[in-house]
Amino acid sequence: MKKVLIIEDENSIRGFLKINFKRNNFVVIEAESGEKGIEKARIENPIITILDIMLPGIDGFKTCEILRKEFPKMGIIMLTARSQDMDKIMGLEFGADDYMIKPFNPLELIARVNSLLRRIVVNDGEYENNLIVSGDYKIDDKAMKAYKGDKELELTPKEYILMKIFMENSGKALSRDELLNMVWGYNYIGDTKVVDVNVRRLREKIEENSSSPKVIETVWGVGYRWRKK
């Protein structure tokens, strides 16, 4: 059962999204404020949240931060009426996986949600080992879990696929455009700043000292490289 939580204070937009998600076989939960959205997330445990930035009470950034801490595997897409880079970057910093600028095409939003779902859905059955290993780091791709030593890393869906791509291409310099296409898709409408933000967040979770990274190296003028072990 695909549950989506829509946190949006404008009734018309919330209703419009509800219709489109129901047409695509989603169970829709609604909330008109960040506080109510957090309460409903705790009860309903949705797999995806669509979150407006401009909300009464606590804003979308704070709401995103709380949801990300409590639901590390939840997919979060933020909606903004502004096009400033700072809003996009702040949303990603607070834990969003993606963002869309109003007005937007609902078909594109559904497509992005479905793409995100493919990164999230986990089958709890028993599997044979299907591991990607690099030094102290390990990815169990069947369970979609990442580890540093014996400790499971709490990664967002985008951080997970980013780490997987790095490890699969260990020692290879990957440009920002390449990473953008591999993680967000060729139809992604946005700039490469989203790559930098997610690399920085991933470094904070896997590096001993994220300000002096030893695992994900910066390749100046190109992009990034996972240090080959």
C-alpha atoms as a PDB file:
ATOM      1  CA  MET A   1       0.000   0.000   0.000  1.00  0.00           C
ATOM      2  CA  LYS A   2       1.551   3.278  -1.171  1.00  0.00           C
ATOM      3  CA  LYS A   3       0.830   6.019   1.365  1.00  0.00           C
ATOM      4  CA  VAL A   4       1.589   9.643   0.579  1.00  0.00           C
ATOM      5  CA  LEU A   5       1.279  12.439   3.122  1.00  0.00           C
ATOM      6  CA  ILE A   6       0.485  15.877   1.664  1.00  0.00           C
ATOM      7  CA  ILE A   7       1.354  18.762   4.002  1.00  0.00           C
ATOM      8  CA  GLU A   8      -0.022  21.880   2.332  1.00  0.00           C
ATOM      9  CA  ASP A   9      -2.061  24.729   3.828  1.00  0.00           C
ATOM     10  CA  GLU A  10      -3.798  25.765   0.577  1.00  0.00           C
ATOM     11  CA  ASN A  11      -6.961  23.700   0.205  1.00  0.00           C
ATOM     12  CA  SER A  12      -7.040  24.010  -3.584  1.00  0.00           C
ATOM     13  CA  ILE A  13      -3.494  22.718  -4.050  1.00  0.00           C
ATOM     14  CA  ARG A  14      -3.979  19.953  -1.498  1.00  0.00           C
ATOM     15  CA  GLY A  15      -7.194  18.858  -3.196  1.00  0.00           C
ATOM     16  CA  PHE A  16      -5.571  18.967  -6.633  1.00  0.00           C
ATOM     17  CA  LEU A  17      -2.684  16.784  -5.420  1.00  0.00           C
ATOM     18  CA  LYS A  18      -5.057  14.397  -3.675  1.00  0.00           C
ATOM     19  CA  ILE A  19      -7.004  13.772  -6.895  1.00  0.00           C
ATOM     20  CA  ASN A  20      -3.845  13.108  -8.909  1.00  0.00           C
ATOM     21  CA  PHE A  21      -2.328  10.761  -6.342  1.00  0.00           C
ATOM     22  CA  LYS A  22      -5.569   8.804  -5.944  1.00  0.00           C
ATOM     23  CA  ARG A  23      -5.715   8.383  -9.729  1.00  0.00           C
ATOM     24  CA  ASN A  24      -2.291   6.773  -9.448  1.00  0.00           C
ATOM     25  CA  ASN A  25      -3.372   4.330  -6.720  1.00  0.00           C
ATOM     26  CA  PHE A  26      -1.931   6.109  -3.702  1.00  0.00           C
ATOM     27  CA  VAL A  27      -3.541   6.233  -0.282  1.00  0.00           C
ATOM     28  CA  VAL A  28      -3.573   9.945   0.536  1.00  0.00           C
ATOM     29  CA  ILE A  29      -3.196  11.472   4.003  1.00  0.00           C
ATOM     30  CA  GLU A  30      -3.663  15.223   4.334  1.00  0.00           C
ATOM     31  CA  ALA A  31      -2.468  17.873   6.757  1.00  0.00           C
ATOM     32  CA  GLU A  32      -2.717  21.666   6.606  1.00  0.00           C
ATOM     33  CA  SER A  33       0.185  22.435   8.954  1.00  0.00           C
ATOM     34  CA  GLY A  34       3.581  21.089   9.870  1.00  0.00           C
ATOM     35  CA  GLU A  35       2.455  20.145  13.372  1.00  0.00           C
ATOM     36  CA  LYS A  36      -0.528  18.145  12.107  1.00  0.00           C
ATOM     37  CA  GLY A  37       1.594  16.592   9.386  1.00  0.00           C
ATOM     38  CA  ILE A  38       4.105  15.287  11.930  1.00  0.00           C
ATOM     39  CA  GLU A  39       1.274  13.876  14.056  1.00  0.00           C
ATOM     40  CA  LYS A  40      -0.241  12.084  11.057  1.00  0.00           C
ATOM     41  CA  ALA A  41       3.136  10.760   9.936  1.00  0.00           C
ATOM     42  CA  ARG A  42       3.600   9.168  13.366  1.00  0.00           C
ATOM     43  CA  ILE A  43       0.219   7.459  13.069  1.00  0.00           C
ATOM     44  CA  GLU A  44       0.138   6.534   9.375  1.00  0.00           C
ATOM     45  CA  ASN A  45       3.860   6.028   8.608  1.00  0.00           C
ATOM     46  CA  PRO A  46       3.677   7.189   4.961  1.00  0.00           C
ATOM     47  CA  ILE A  47       6.398   6.173   2.551  1.00  0.00           C
ATOM     48  CA  ILE A  48       6.397   9.584   0.792  1.00  0.00           C
ATOM     49  CA  THR A  49       5.693  13.109   2.049  1.00  0.00           C
ATOM     50  CA  ILE A  50       4.937  16.099  -0.168  1.00  0.00           C
ATOM     51  CA  LEU A  51       5.799  19.134   1.930  1.00  0.00           C
ATOM     52  CA  ASP A  52       5.153  22.821   1.284  1.00  0.00           C
ATOM     53  CA  ILE A  53       7.761  25.281   2.579  1.00  0.00           C
ATOM     54  CA  MET A  54       5.370  28.105   3.506  1.00  0.00           C
ATOM     55  CA  LEU A  55       3.188  26.712   6.295  1.00  0.00           C
ATOM     56  CA  PRO A  56       1.434  28.221   9.302  1.00  0.00           C
ATOM     57  CA  GLY A  57       3.175  27.487  12.597  1.00  0.00           C
ATOM     58  CA  ILE A  58       6.433  25.650  12.051  1.00  0.00           C
ATOM     59  CA  ASP A  59       7.585  26.038   8.461  1.00  0.00           C
ATOM     60  CA  GLY A  60       8.410  23.339   5.946  1.00  0.00           C
ATOM     61  CA  PHE A  61      12.135  23.390   6.708  1.00  0.00           C
ATOM     62  CA  LYS A  62      11.625  22.608  10.400  1.00  0.00           C
ATOM     63  CA  THR A  63       8.935  20.065   9.565  1.00  0.00           C
ATOM     64  CA  CYS A  64      11.322  18.370   7.132  1.00  0.00           C
ATOM     65  CA  GLU A  65      14.068  18.280   9.758  1.00  0.00           C
ATOM     66  CA  ILE A  66      11.764  16.584  12.292  1.00  0.00           C
ATOM     67  CA  LEU A  67      10.399  14.075   9.775  1.00  0.00           C
ATOM     68  CA  ARG A  68      13.874  13.173   8.552  1.00  0.00           C
ATOM     69  CA  LYS A  69      15.083  12.468  12.088  1.00  0.00           C
ATOM     70  CA  GLU A  70      12.055  10.315  12.934  1.00  0.00           C
ATOM     71  CA  PHE A  71      11.656   8.650   9.517  1.00  0.00           C
ATOM     72  CA  PRO A  72      15.134   8.356   7.963  1.00  0.00           C
ATOM     73  CA  LYS A  73      13.934   6.174   5.064  1.00  0.00           C
ATOM     74  CA  MET A  74      10.910   8.326   4.172  1.00  0.00           C
ATOM     75  CA  GLY A  75      10.985  10.041   0.787  1.00  0.00           C
ATOM     76  CA  ILE A  76      10.438  13.816   1.098  1.00  0.00           C
ATOM     77  CA  ILE A  77       9.723  16.190  -1.777  1.00  0.00           C
ATOM     78  CA  MET A  78       9.427  19.879  -0.923  1.00  0.00           C
ATOM     79  CA  LEU A  79       7.214  22.357  -2.761  1.00  0.00           C
ATOM     80  CA  THR A  80       8.220  26.003  -3.035  1.00  0.00           C
ATOM     81  CA  ALA A  81       6.642  29.018  -4.710  1.00  0.00           C
ATOM     82  CA  ARG A  82      10.074  30.612  -4.835  1.00  0.00           C
ATOM     83  CA  SER A  83      12.836  29.854  -7.282  1.00  0.00           C
ATOM     84  CA  GLN A  84      15.761  31.166  -5.227  1.00  0.00           C
ATOM     85  CA  ASP A  85      18.657  28.758  -4.953  1.00  0.00           C
ATOM     86  CA  MET A  86      18.812  29.292  -1.187  1.00  0.00           C
ATOM     87  CA  ASP A  87      15.331  27.794  -0.664  1.00  0.00           C
ATOM     88  CA  LYS A  88      16.302  24.721  -2.681  1.00  0.00           C
ATOM     89  CA  ILE A  89      19.603  24.311  -0.857  1.00  0.00           C
ATOM     90  CA  MET A  90      17.996  24.799   2.571  1.00  0.00           C
ATOM     91  CA  GLY A  91      15.370  22.157   1.802  1.00  0.00           C
ATOM     92  CA  LEU A  92      18.055  19.671   0.855  1.00  0.00           C
ATOM     93  CA  GLU A  93      20.124  20.578   3.912  1.00  0.00           C
ATOM     94  CA  PHE A  94      17.160  19.838   6.164  1.00  0.00           C
ATOM     95  CA  GLY A  95      16.807  16.374   4.614  1.00  0.00           C
ATOM     96  CA  ALA A  96      14.561  16.644   1.548  1.00  0.00           C
ATOM     97  CA  ASP A  97      15.244  14.237  -1.310  1.00  0.00           C
ATOM     98  CA  ASP A  98      13.916  16.518  -4.020  1.00  0.00           C
ATOM     99  CA  TYR A  99      12.031  19.771  -4.597  1.00  0.00           C
ATOM    100  CA  MET A 100       9.575  21.231  -7.102  1.00  0.00           C
ATOM    101  CA  ILE A 101       8.761  24.848  -7.852  1.00  0.00           C
ATOM    102  CA  LYS A 102       5.135  25.967  -8.057  1.00  0.00           C
ATOM    103  CA  PRO A 103       3.368  25.922 -10.430  1.00  0.00           C
ATOM    104  CA  PHE A 104       4.336  22.410 -11.472  1.00  0.00           C
ATOM    105  CA  ASN A 105       3.054  19.660 -13.715  1.00  0.00           C
ATOM    106  CA  PRO A 106       1.344  16.996 -11.544  1.00  0.00           C
ATOM    107  CA  LEU A 107       2.501  14.284 -13.947  1.00  0.00           C
ATOM    108  CA  GLU A 108       6.107  15.296 -13.329  1.00  0.00           C
ATOM    109  CA  LEU A 109       5.529  15.191  -9.565  1.00  0.00           C
ATOM    110  CA  ILE A 110       4.031  11.692  -9.810  1.00  0.00           C
ATOM    111  CA  ALA A 111       6.979  10.603 -11.959  1.00  0.00           C
ATOM    112  CA  ARG A 112       9.450  11.916  -9.395  1.00  0.00           C
ATOM    113  CA  VAL A 113       7.559  10.213  -6.578  1.00  0.00           C
ATOM    114  CA  ASN A 114       7.569   6.895  -8.437  1.00  0.00           C
ATOM    115  CA  SER A 115      11.296   7.257  -9.122  1.00  0.00           C
ATOM    116  CA  LEU A 116      11.881   7.913  -5.431  1.00  0.00           C
ATOM    117  CA  LEU A 117       9.712   4.938  -4.476  1.00  0.00           C
ATOM    118  CA  ARG A 118      11.913   2.626  -6.511  1.00  0.00           C
ATOM    119  CA  ARG A 119      14.815   3.670  -4.284  1.00  0.00           C
ATOM    120  CA  ILE A 120      12.889   3.165  -1.054  1.00  0.00           C
ATOM    121  CA  VAL A 121      10.840  -0.015  -1.241  1.00  0.00           C
ATOM    122  CA  VAL A 122      12.475  -2.766   0.788  1.00  0.00           C
ATOM    123  CA  ASN A 123      11.559  -6.437   0.668  1.00  0.00           C
ATOM    124  CA  ASP A 124      11.922  -8.048   4.084  1.00  0.00           C
ATOM    125  CA  GLY A 125      12.430 -11.590   2.773  1.00  0.00           C
ATOM    126  CA  GLU A 126      15.579 -13.668   3.058  1.00  0.00           C
ATOM    127  CA  TYR A 127      18.227 -13.176   0.402  1.00  0.00           C
ATOM    128  CA  GLU A 128      21.574 -14.532  -0.563  1.00  0.00           C
ATOM    129  CA  ASN A 129      24.491 -12.156  -0.070  1.00  0.00           C
ATOM    130  CA  ASN A 130      24.474  -9.367  -2.620  1.00  0.00           C
ATOM    131  CA  LEU A 131      27.085  -7.026  -1.223  1.00  0.00           C
ATOM    132  CA  ILE A 132      29.165  -4.133  -2.464  1.00  0.00           C
ATOM    133  CA  VAL A 133      32.232  -3.724  -0.248  1.00  0.00           C
ATOM    134  CA  SER A 134      34.899  -1.036  -0.100  1.00  0.00           C
ATOM    135  CA  GLY A 135      37.175  -1.030   2.936  1.00  0.00           C
ATOM    136  CA  ASP A 136      35.039  -0.499   6.054  1.00  0.00           C
ATOM    137  CA  TYR A 137      31.959   0.291   3.979  1.00  0.00           C
ATOM    138  CA  LYS A 138      29.362  -2.184   2.769  1.00  0.00           C
ATOM    139  CA  ILE A 139      26.089  -2.002   0.876  1.00  0.00           C
ATOM    140  CA  ASP A 140      23.540  -4.815   0.973  1.00  0.00           C
ATOM    141  CA  ASP A 141      21.718  -3.975  -2.232  1.00  0.00           C
ATOM    142  CA  LYS A 142      18.943  -6.524  -1.719  1.00  0.00           C
ATOM    143  CA  ALA A 143      18.001  -5.054   1.653  1.00  0.00           C
ATOM    144  CA  MET A 144      18.939  -1.519   0.532  1.00  0.00           C
ATOM    145  CA  LYS A 145      21.044  -0.984   3.639  1.00  0.00           C
ATOM    146  CA  ALA A 146      24.456   0.627   3.997  1.00  0.00           C
ATOM    147  CA  TYR A 147      26.992  -0.012   6.749  1.00  0.00           C
ATOM    148  CA  LYS A 148      30.171   1.466   8.145  1.00  0.00           C
ATOM    149  CA  GLY A 149      31.802  -1.457   9.912  1.00  0.00           C
ATOM    150  CA  ASP A 150      28.940  -3.176  11.748  1.00  0.00           C
ATOM    151  CA  LYS A 151      26.910   0.012  12.139  1.00  0.00           C
ATOM    152  CA  GLU A 152      24.004   0.625   9.795  1.00  0.00           C
ATOM    153  CA  LEU A 153      24.038   4.099   8.276  1.00  0.00           C
ATOM    154  CA  GLU A 154      20.820   6.106   8.391  1.00  0.00           C
ATOM    155  CA  LEU A 155      20.733   7.358   4.805  1.00  0.00           C
ATOM    156  CA  THR A 156      17.998   9.053   2.830  1.00  0.00           C
ATOM    157  CA  PRO A 157      17.011   7.323  -0.431  1.00  0.00           C
ATOM    158  CA  LYS A 158      19.105   9.764  -2.472  1.00  0.00           C
ATOM    159  CA  GLU A 159      22.104   9.393  -0.156  1.00  0.00           C
ATOM    160  CA  TYR A 160      21.837   5.613  -0.453  1.00  0.00           C
ATOM    161  CA  ILE A 161      21.859   5.558  -4.243  1.00  0.00           C
ATOM    162  CA  LEU A 162      24.628   8.175  -4.302  1.00  0.00           C
ATOM    163  CA  MET A 163      26.804   6.027  -2.022  1.00  0.00           C
ATOM    164  CA  LYS A 164      26.031   2.940  -4.100  1.00  0.00           C
ATOM    165  CA  ILE A 165      27.065   4.695  -7.325  1.00  0.00           C
ATOM    166  CA  PHE A 166      30.287   5.914  -5.732  1.00  0.00           C
ATOM    167  CA  MET A 167      31.175   2.440  -4.470  1.00  0.00           C
ATOM    168  CA  GLU A 168      30.325   0.791  -7.797  1.00  0.00           C
ATOM    169  CA  ASN A 169      32.669   3.285  -9.475  1.00  0.00           C
ATOM    170  CA  SER A 170      35.407   3.219  -6.838  1.00  0.00           C
ATOM    171  CA  GLY A 171      38.492   5.147  -7.969  1.00  0.00           C
ATOM    172  CA  LYS A 172      36.669   6.808 -10.880  1.00  0.00           C
ATOM    173  CA  ALA A 173      36.145  10.574 -11.019  1.00  0.00           C
ATOM    174  CA  LEU A 174      32.447  11.299 -11.573  1.00  0.00           C
ATOM    175  CA  SER A 175      31.350  14.710 -12.768  1.00  0.00           C
ATOM    176  CA  ARG A 176      28.459  16.560 -11.169  1.00  0.00           C
ATOM    177  CA  ASP A 177      26.451  16.153 -14.364  1.00  0.00           C
ATOM    178  CA  GLU A 178      27.059  12.401 -14.381  1.00  0.00           C
ATOM    179  CA  LEU A 179      25.962  12.109 -10.751  1.00  0.00           C
ATOM    180  CA  LEU A 180      22.921  14.290 -11.402  1.00  0.00           C
ATOM    181  CA  ASN A 181      21.830  12.030 -14.267  1.00  0.00           C
ATOM    182  CA  MET A 182      22.524   8.764 -12.416  1.00  0.00           C
ATOM    183  CA  VAL A 183      20.848   9.742  -9.138  1.00  0.00           C
ATOM    184  CA  TRP A 184      18.101  12.179 -10.159  1.00  0.00           C
ATOM    185  CA  GLY A 185      17.532  11.083 -13.756  1.00  0.00           C
ATOM    186  CA  TYR A 186      18.035  12.629 -17.166  1.00  0.00           C
ATOM    187  CA  ASN A 187      14.711  14.460 -16.999  1.00  0.00           C
ATOM    188  CA  TYR A 188      15.584  16.209 -13.741  1.00  0.00           C
ATOM    189  CA  ILE A 189      14.981  19.954 -13.930  1.00  0.00           C
ATOM    190  CA  GLY A 190      17.477  21.609 -11.630  1.00  0.00           C
ATOM    191  CA  ASP A 191      21.137  22.425 -11.243  1.00  0.00           C
ATOM    192  CA  THR A 192      24.160  20.575  -9.949  1.00  0.00           C
ATOM    193  CA  LYS A 193      24.007  22.254  -6.525  1.00  0.00           C
ATOM    194  CA  VAL A 194      21.743  19.383  -5.463  1.00  0.00           C
ATOM    195  CA  VAL A 195      24.715  17.049  -5.980  1.00  0.00           C
ATOM    196  CA  ASP A 196      27.023  19.134  -3.789  1.00  0.00           C
ATOM    197  CA  VAL A 197      24.451  19.342  -0.998  1.00  0.00           C
ATOM    198  CA  ASN A 198      23.856  15.582  -0.957  1.00  0.00           C
ATOM    199  CA  VAL A 199      27.571  14.776  -1.125  1.00  0.00           C
ATOM    200  CA  ARG A 200      28.126  17.063   1.861  1.00  0.00           C
ATOM    201  CA  ARG A 201      25.342  15.346   3.803  1.00  0.00           C
ATOM    202  CA  LEU A 202      26.678  11.904   2.893  1.00  0.00           C
ATOM    203  CA  ARG A 203      30.175  12.894   4.003  1.00  0.00           C
ATOM    204  CA  GLU A 204      28.806  13.985   7.372  1.00  0.00           C
ATOM    205  CA  LYS A 205      27.429  10.482   7.881  1.00  0.00           C
ATOM    206  CA  ILE A 206      30.342   8.379   6.665  1.00  0.00           C
ATOM    207  CA  GLU A 207      33.545  10.383   7.116  1.00  0.00           C
ATOM    208  CA  GLU A 208      35.565  10.557  10.331  1.00  0.00           C
ATOM    209  CA  ASN A 209      35.978  14.282   9.664  1.00  0.00           C
ATOM    210  CA  SER A 210      33.640  15.624   6.991  1.00  0.00           C
ATOM    211  CA  SER A 211      35.615  18.878   6.713  1.00  0.00           C
ATOM    212  CA  SER A 212      38.662  16.848   5.686  1.00  0.00           C
ATOM    213  CA  PRO A 213      37.126  13.958   3.704  1.00  0.00           C
ATOM    214  CA  LYS A 214      39.190  10.849   3.066  1.00  0.00           C
ATOM    215  CA  VAL A 215      36.552   8.609   1.485  1.00  0.00           C
ATOM    216  CA  ILE A 216      34.669  10.854  -0.963  1.00  0.00           C
ATOM    217  CA  GLU A 217      37.375  12.971  -2.524  1.00  0.00           C
ATOM    218  CA  THR A 218      36.782  16.234  -4.367  1.00  0.00           C
ATOM    219  CA  VAL A 219      38.182  16.247  -7.877  1.00  0.00           C
ATOM    220  CA  TRP A 220      38.623  19.940  -8.510  1.00  0.00           C
ATOM    221  CA  GLY A 221      36.968  21.212 -11.673  1.00  0.00           C
ATOM    222  CA  VAL A 222      35.255  17.854 -12.236  1.00  0.00           C
ATOM    223  CA  GLY A 223      33.247  16.425  -9.349  1.00  0.00           C
ATOM    224  CA  TYR A 224      33.901  13.640  -6.838  1.00  0.00           C
ATOM    225  CA  ARG A 225      35.606  10.269  -6.501  1.00  0.00           C
ATOM    226  CA  TRP A 226      35.236   7.388  -4.024  1.00  0.00           C
ATOM    227  CA  ARG A 227      38.726   6.573  -2.819  1.00  0.00           C
ATOM    228  CA  LYS A 228      39.695   3.110  -3.963  1.00  0.00           C
ATOM    229  CA  LYS A 229      40.689   0.777  -1.100  1.00  0.00           C
END
